[in-house]
Each structure stands twice: as C-alpha cells, then as structure tokens.
Amino acid sequence: MPREVETRRTHRTDWMALLSGMLFIVLGILLVTRAITDWLVLVGVMVLGLAFAGLVAIIARVVRGK
C-alpha cells in the first residue's frame, strides 16, 4: 500500500498588512506616551510609513513573479 505524502501549503506573507499593522502599533505607542504631540508630524510619519509599506509590498510581488 503506497504511503500518502502530505503536502503542506504555506501562505505568502502579506507585507503591506504586516508593515501597516506594525506602523499603527508604533504610532499608537508614540501617541499614548506623548512622544509625538504634533498632529502634522504624526500624519507625515503615517503617510511615509504607508508609502514605504506599499513599496515593499510591490517589490515583494515583483520578486515573487505574481
């Protein structure tokens, strides 16, 4: 009787979601600890962080070939 081989399917990392989540956690900590008090700086950091996360996600998709 042939032995069945289990193939394990793994999912690919969603870099946009991972980096965006980490960004919002860090921004939340900075906001709660009052390390950032200026809303303009907060919005600027958020926009730049999301742009970076998007760039990493695009590069990861190109490298994967999908």
PDB file of N, CA and C in Angstrom:
ATOM      1  N   MET A   1       0.846  -1.175   0.000  1.00  0.00           N
ATOM      2  CA  MET A   1       0.000   0.000   0.000  1.00  0.00           C
ATOM      3  C   MET A   1       0.897   1.245   0.000  1.00  0.00           C
ATOM      4  N   PRO A   2       0.734   2.113  -1.002  1.00  0.00           N
ATOM      5  CA  PRO A   2       1.611   3.304  -1.056  1.00  0.00           C
ATOM      6  C   PRO A   2       1.308   4.270   0.081  1.00  0.00           C
ATOM      7  N   ARG A   3       2.336   4.860   0.514  1.00  0.00           N
ATOM      8  CA  ARG A   3       2.216   5.812   1.611  1.00  0.00           C
ATOM      9  C   ARG A   3       1.822   7.185   1.057  1.00  0.00           C
ATOM     10  N   GLU A   4       0.849   7.807   1.678  1.00  0.00           N
ATOM     11  CA  GLU A   4       0.413   9.124   1.224  1.00  0.00           C
ATOM     12  C   GLU A   4       1.352  10.186   1.781  1.00  0.00           C
ATOM     13  N   VAL A   5       1.752  11.048   0.918  1.00  0.00           N
ATOM     14  CA  VAL A   5       2.635  12.132   1.321  1.00  0.00           C
ATOM     15  C   VAL A   5       1.793  13.391   1.472  1.00  0.00           C
ATOM     16  N   GLU A   6       1.867  13.970   2.640  1.00  0.00           N
ATOM     17  CA  GLU A   6       1.114  15.197   2.875  1.00  0.00           C
ATOM     18  C   GLU A   6       1.905  16.377   2.339  1.00  0.00           C
ATOM     19  N   THR A   7       1.249  17.150   1.537  1.00  0.00           N
ATOM     20  CA  THR A   7       1.891  18.378   1.085  1.00  0.00           C
ATOM     21  C   THR A   7       1.361  19.515   1.937  1.00  0.00           C
ATOM     22  N   ARG A   8       2.251  20.258   2.442  1.00  0.00           N
ATOM     23  CA  ARG A   8       1.871  21.349   3.325  1.00  0.00           C
ATOM     24  C   ARG A   8       1.845  22.645   2.528  1.00  0.00           C
ATOM     25  N   ARG A   9       0.691  23.255   2.507  1.00  0.00           N
ATOM     26  CA  ARG A   9       0.559  24.531   1.803  1.00  0.00           C
ATOM     27  C   ARG A   9       0.852  25.664   2.780  1.00  0.00           C
ATOM     28  N   THR A  10       1.715  26.526   2.372  1.00  0.00           N
ATOM     29  CA  THR A  10       2.014  27.688   3.197  1.00  0.00           C
ATOM     30  C   THR A  10       1.516  28.934   2.489  1.00  0.00           C
ATOM     31  N   HIS A  11       1.139  29.900   3.249  1.00  0.00           N
ATOM     32  CA  HIS A  11       0.677  31.137   2.632  1.00  0.00           C
ATOM     33  C   HIS A  11       1.836  32.118   2.538  1.00  0.00           C
ATOM     34  N   ARG A  12       1.705  33.020   1.607  1.00  0.00           N
ATOM     35  CA  ARG A  12       2.740  34.022   1.432  1.00  0.00           C
ATOM     36  C   ARG A  12       2.483  35.181   2.375  1.00  0.00           C
ATOM     37  N   THR A  13       3.544  35.823   2.781  1.00  0.00           N
ATOM     38  CA  THR A  13       3.436  36.945   3.705  1.00  0.00           C
ATOM     39  C   THR A  13       2.834  38.148   2.994  1.00  0.00           C
ATOM     40  N   ASP A  14       1.837  38.739   3.609  1.00  0.00           N
ATOM     41  CA  ASP A  14       1.242  39.969   3.097  1.00  0.00           C
ATOM     42  C   ASP A  14       2.006  41.133   3.728  1.00  0.00           C
ATOM     43  N   TRP A  15       3.005  41.619   3.003  1.00  0.00           N
ATOM     44  CA  TRP A  15       3.901  42.630   3.548  1.00  0.00           C
ATOM     45  C   TRP A  15       3.203  43.944   3.821  1.00  0.00           C
ATOM     46  N   MET A  16       2.240  44.310   2.985  1.00  0.00           N
ATOM     47  CA  MET A  16       1.527  45.569   3.195  1.00  0.00           C
ATOM     48  C   MET A  16       0.774  45.531   4.527  1.00  0.00           C
ATOM     49  N   ALA A  17       0.074  44.458   4.788  1.00  0.00           N
ATOM     50  CA  ALA A  17      -0.692  44.342   6.029  1.00  0.00           C
ATOM     51  C   ALA A  17       0.234  44.259   7.242  1.00  0.00           C
ATOM     52  N   LEU A  18       1.307  43.504   7.123  1.00  0.00           N
ATOM     53  CA  LEU A  18       2.236  43.344   8.243  1.00  0.00           C
ATOM     54  C   LEU A  18       2.897  44.671   8.617  1.00  0.00           C
ATOM     55  N   LEU A  19       3.434  45.373   7.623  1.00  0.00           N
ATOM     56  CA  LEU A  19       4.122  46.627   7.911  1.00  0.00           C
ATOM     57  C   LEU A  19       3.152  47.728   8.325  1.00  0.00           C
ATOM     58  N   SER A  20       1.957  47.747   7.751  1.00  0.00           N
ATOM     59  CA  SER A  20       0.961  48.742   8.158  1.00  0.00           C
ATOM     60  C   SER A  20       0.525  48.514   9.598  1.00  0.00           C
ATOM     61  N   GLY A  21       0.331  47.278   9.976  1.00  0.00           N
ATOM     62  CA  GLY A  21      -0.034  46.964  11.354  1.00  0.00           C
ATOM     63  C   GLY A  21       1.047  47.365  12.335  1.00  0.00           C
ATOM     64  N   MET A  22       2.295  47.077  11.978  1.00  0.00           N
ATOM     65  CA  MET A  22       3.398  47.470  12.845  1.00  0.00           C
ATOM     66  C   MET A  22       3.500  48.994  12.950  1.00  0.00           C
ATOM     67  N   LEU A  23       3.259  49.681  11.839  1.00  0.00           N
ATOM     68  CA  LEU A  23       3.298  51.136  11.844  1.00  0.00           C
ATOM     69  C   LEU A  23       2.245  51.712  12.788  1.00  0.00           C
ATOM     70  N   PHE A  24       1.022  51.214  12.703  1.00  0.00           N
ATOM     71  CA  PHE A  24      -0.039  51.739  13.550  1.00  0.00           C
ATOM     72  C   PHE A  24       0.171  51.394  15.019  1.00  0.00           C
ATOM     73  N   ILE A  25       0.773  50.252  15.306  1.00  0.00           N
ATOM     74  CA  ILE A  25       1.101  49.922  16.697  1.00  0.00           C
ATOM     75  C   ILE A  25       2.139  50.894  17.243  1.00  0.00           C
ATOM     76  N   VAL A  26       3.188  51.144  16.462  1.00  0.00           N
ATOM     77  CA  VAL A  26       4.232  52.073  16.893  1.00  0.00           C
ATOM     78  C   VAL A  26       3.676  53.483  17.045  1.00  0.00           C
ATOM     79  N   LEU A  27       2.866  53.926  16.081  1.00  0.00           N
ATOM     80  CA  LEU A  27       2.280  55.262  16.186  1.00  0.00           C
ATOM     81  C   LEU A  27       1.345  55.363  17.385  1.00  0.00           C
ATOM     82  N   GLY A  28       0.625  54.310  17.677  1.00  0.00           N
ATOM     83  CA  GLY A  28      -0.243  54.301  18.845  1.00  0.00           C
ATOM     84  C   GLY A  28       0.544  54.407  20.136  1.00  0.00           C
ATOM     85  N   ILE A  29       1.656  53.682  20.213  1.00  0.00           N
ATOM     86  CA  ILE A  29       2.502  53.761  21.394  1.00  0.00           C
ATOM     87  C   ILE A  29       3.085  55.166  21.545  1.00  0.00           C
ATOM     88  N   LEU A  30       3.550  55.734  20.432  1.00  0.00           N
ATOM     89  CA  LEU A  30       4.105  57.085  20.486  1.00  0.00           C
ATOM     90  C   LEU A  30       3.054  58.112  20.878  1.00  0.00           C
ATOM     91  N   LEU A  31       1.833  57.894  20.453  1.00  0.00           N
ATOM     92  CA  LEU A  31       0.754  58.822  20.786  1.00  0.00           C
ATOM     93  C   LEU A  31       0.359  58.700  22.255  1.00  0.00           C
ATOM     94  N   VAL A  32       0.281  57.490  22.757  1.00  0.00           N
ATOM     95  CA  VAL A  32      -0.107  57.268  24.148  1.00  0.00           C
ATOM     96  C   VAL A  32       0.966  57.782  25.112  1.00  0.00           C
ATOM     97  N   THR A  33       2.227  57.585  24.747  1.00  0.00           N
ATOM     98  CA  THR A  33       3.312  58.044  25.612  1.00  0.00           C
ATOM     99  C   THR A  33       3.631  59.524  25.409  1.00  0.00           C
ATOM    100  N   ARG A  34       2.903  60.156  24.519  1.00  0.00           N
ATOM    101  CA  ARG A  34       3.080  61.586  24.203  1.00  0.00           C
ATOM    102  C   ARG A  34       4.470  61.914  23.680  1.00  0.00           C
ATOM    103  N   ALA A  35       5.084  60.967  22.983  1.00  0.00           N
ATOM    104  CA  ALA A  35       6.369  61.227  22.339  1.00  0.00           C
ATOM    105  C   ALA A  35       6.158  62.084  21.088  1.00  0.00           C
ATOM    106  N   ILE A  36       5.006  61.939  20.454  1.00  0.00           N
ATOM    107  CA  ILE A  36       4.619  62.793  19.330  1.00  0.00           C
ATOM    108  C   ILE A  36       3.384  63.561  19.763  1.00  0.00           C
ATOM    109  N   THR A  37       3.508  64.886  19.788  1.00  0.00           N
ATOM    110  CA  THR A  37       2.358  65.702  20.188  1.00  0.00           C
ATOM    111  C   THR A  37       1.807  66.513  19.022  1.00  0.00           C
ATOM    112  N   ASP A  38       2.608  66.693  17.981  1.00  0.00           N
ATOM    113  CA  ASP A  38       2.179  67.476  16.827  1.00  0.00           C
ATOM    114  C   ASP A  38       1.456  66.562  15.831  1.00  0.00           C
ATOM    115  N   TRP A  39       0.212  66.897  15.502  1.00  0.00           N
ATOM    116  CA  TRP A  39      -0.586  66.063  14.603  1.00  0.00           C
ATOM    117  C   TRP A  39      -0.034  66.069  13.186  1.00  0.00           C
ATOM    118  N   LEU A  40       0.597  67.164  12.793  1.00  0.00           N
ATOM    119  CA  LEU A  40       1.172  67.232  11.453  1.00  0.00           C
ATOM    120  C   LEU A  40       2.333  66.248  11.312  1.00  0.00           C
ATOM    121  N   VAL A  41       3.142  66.135  12.333  1.00  0.00           N
ATOM    122  CA  VAL A  41       4.238  65.158  12.324  1.00  0.00           C
ATOM    123  C   VAL A  41       3.666  63.745  12.303  1.00  0.00           C
ATOM    124  N   LEU A  42       2.628  63.508  13.081  1.00  0.00           N
ATOM    125  CA  LEU A  42       2.005  62.179  13.133  1.00  0.00           C
ATOM    126  C   LEU A  42       1.466  61.768  11.763  1.00  0.00           C
ATOM    127  N   VAL A  43       0.770  62.681  11.110  1.00  0.00           N
ATOM    128  CA  VAL A  43       0.213  62.380   9.782  1.00  0.00           C
ATOM    129  C   VAL A  43       1.333  62.180   8.769  1.00  0.00           C
ATOM    130  N   GLY A  44       2.383  62.984   8.857  1.00  0.00           N
ATOM    131  CA  GLY A  44       3.517  62.829   7.944  1.00  0.00           C
ATOM    132  C   GLY A  44       4.215  61.490   8.099  1.00  0.00           C
ATOM    133  N   VAL A  45       4.429  61.096   9.337  1.00  0.00           N
ATOM    134  CA  VAL A  45       5.068  59.796   9.591  1.00  0.00           C
ATOM    135  C   VAL A  45       4.169  58.669   9.107  1.00  0.00           C
ATOM    136  N   MET A  46       2.865  58.805   9.310  1.00  0.00           N
ATOM    137  CA  MET A  46       1.933  57.775   8.868  1.00  0.00           C
ATOM    138  C   MET A  46       1.935  57.642   7.344  1.00  0.00           C
ATOM    139  N   VAL A  47       1.890  58.757   6.644  1.00  0.00           N
ATOM    140  CA  VAL A  47       1.891  58.714   5.176  1.00  0.00           C
ATOM    141  C   VAL A  47       3.193  58.124   4.649  1.00  0.00           C
ATOM    142  N   LEU A  48       4.312  58.546   5.208  1.00  0.00           N
ATOM    143  CA  LEU A  48       5.598  57.990   4.769  1.00  0.00           C
ATOM    144  C   LEU A  48       5.710  56.503   5.099  1.00  0.00           C
ATOM    145  N   GLY A  49       5.208  56.102   6.252  1.00  0.00           N
ATOM    146  CA  GLY A  49       5.242  54.686   6.623  1.00  0.00           C
ATOM    147  C   GLY A  49       4.381  53.831   5.708  1.00  0.00           C
ATOM    148  N   LEU A  50       3.202  54.336   5.367  1.00  0.00           N
ATOM    149  CA  LEU A  50       2.340  53.588   4.448  1.00  0.00           C
ATOM    150  C   LEU A  50       2.929  53.528   3.040  1.00  0.00           C
ATOM    151  N   ALA A  51       3.586  54.609   2.627  1.00  0.00           N
ATOM    152  CA  ALA A  51       4.250  54.598   1.320  1.00  0.00           C
ATOM    153  C   ALA A  51       5.378  53.577   1.300  1.00  0.00           C
ATOM    154  N   PHE A  52       6.134  53.503   2.385  1.00  0.00           N
ATOM    155  CA  PHE A  52       7.203  52.510   2.480  1.00  0.00           C
ATOM    156  C   PHE A  52       6.645  51.091   2.464  1.00  0.00           C
ATOM    157  N   ALA A  53       5.553  50.870   3.198  1.00  0.00           N
ATOM    158  CA  ALA A  53       4.931  49.544   3.229  1.00  0.00           C
ATOM    159  C   ALA A  53       4.423  49.164   1.838  1.00  0.00           C
ATOM    160  N   GLY A  54       3.855  50.115   1.130  1.00  0.00           N
ATOM    161  CA  GLY A  54       3.387  49.846  -0.236  1.00  0.00           C
ATOM    162  C   GLY A  54       4.533  49.523  -1.170  1.00  0.00           C
ATOM    163  N   LEU A  55       5.634  50.238  -1.035  1.00  0.00           N
ATOM    164  CA  LEU A  55       6.805  49.976  -1.873  1.00  0.00           C
ATOM    165  C   LEU A  55       7.364  48.583  -1.614  1.00  0.00           C
ATOM    166  N   VAL A  56       7.454  48.206  -0.352  1.00  0.00           N
ATOM    167  CA  VAL A  56       7.944  46.860  -0.016  1.00  0.00           C
ATOM    168  C   VAL A  56       7.000  45.797  -0.564  1.00  0.00           C
ATOM    169  N   ALA A  57       5.691  46.036  -0.477  1.00  0.00           N
ATOM    170  CA  ALA A  57       4.717  45.066  -0.993  1.00  0.00           C
ATOM    171  C   ALA A  57       4.841  44.923  -2.508  1.00  0.00           C
ATOM    172  N   ILE A  58       5.056  46.026  -3.202  1.00  0.00           N
ATOM    173  CA  ILE A  58       5.211  45.971  -4.660  1.00  0.00           C
ATOM    174  C   ILE A  58       6.485  45.223  -5.031  1.00  0.00           C
ATOM    175  N   ILE A  59       7.561  45.518  -4.342  1.00  0.00           N
ATOM    176  CA  ILE A  59       8.831  44.834  -4.630  1.00  0.00           C
ATOM    177  C   ILE A  59       8.707  43.338  -4.342  1.00  0.00           C
ATOM    178  N   ALA A  60       8.053  42.972  -3.250  1.00  0.00           N
ATOM    179  CA  ALA A  60       7.866  41.555  -2.912  1.00  0.00           C
ATOM    180  C   ALA A  60       7.040  40.842  -3.976  1.00  0.00           C
ATOM    181  N   ARG A  61       6.010  41.507  -4.499  1.00  0.00           N
ATOM    182  CA  ARG A  61       5.183  40.905  -5.536  1.00  0.00           C
ATOM    183  C   ARG A  61       5.957  40.710  -6.825  1.00  0.00           C
ATOM    184  N   VAL A  62       6.811  41.670  -7.167  1.00  0.00           N
ATOM    185  CA  VAL A  62       7.625  41.551  -8.388  1.00  0.00           C
ATOM    186  C   VAL A  62       8.632  40.427  -8.232  1.00  0.00           C
ATOM    187  N   VAL A  63       9.258  40.318  -7.077  1.00  0.00           N
ATOM    188  CA  VAL A  63      10.225  39.257  -6.849  1.00  0.00           C
ATOM    189  C   VAL A  63       9.559  37.890  -6.897  1.00  0.00           C
ATOM    190  N   ARG A  64       8.347  37.788  -6.352  1.00  0.00           N
ATOM    191  CA  ARG A  64       7.612  36.516  -6.388  1.00  0.00           C
ATOM    192  C   ARG A  64       7.170  36.148  -7.797  1.00  0.00           C
ATOM    193  N   GLY A  65       7.005  37.152  -8.642  1.00  0.00           N
ATOM    194  CA  GLY A  65       6.569  36.901 -10.005  1.00  0.00           C
ATOM    195  C   GLY A  65       5.080  36.772 -10.153  1.00  0.00           C
ATOM    196  N   LYS A  66       4.343  37.433  -9.278  1.00  0.00           N
ATOM    197  CA  LYS A  66       2.891  37.348  -9.373  1.00  0.00           C
ATOM    198  C   LYS A  66       2.272  38.686  -9.216  1.00  0.00           C
TER     199      LYS A  66
END
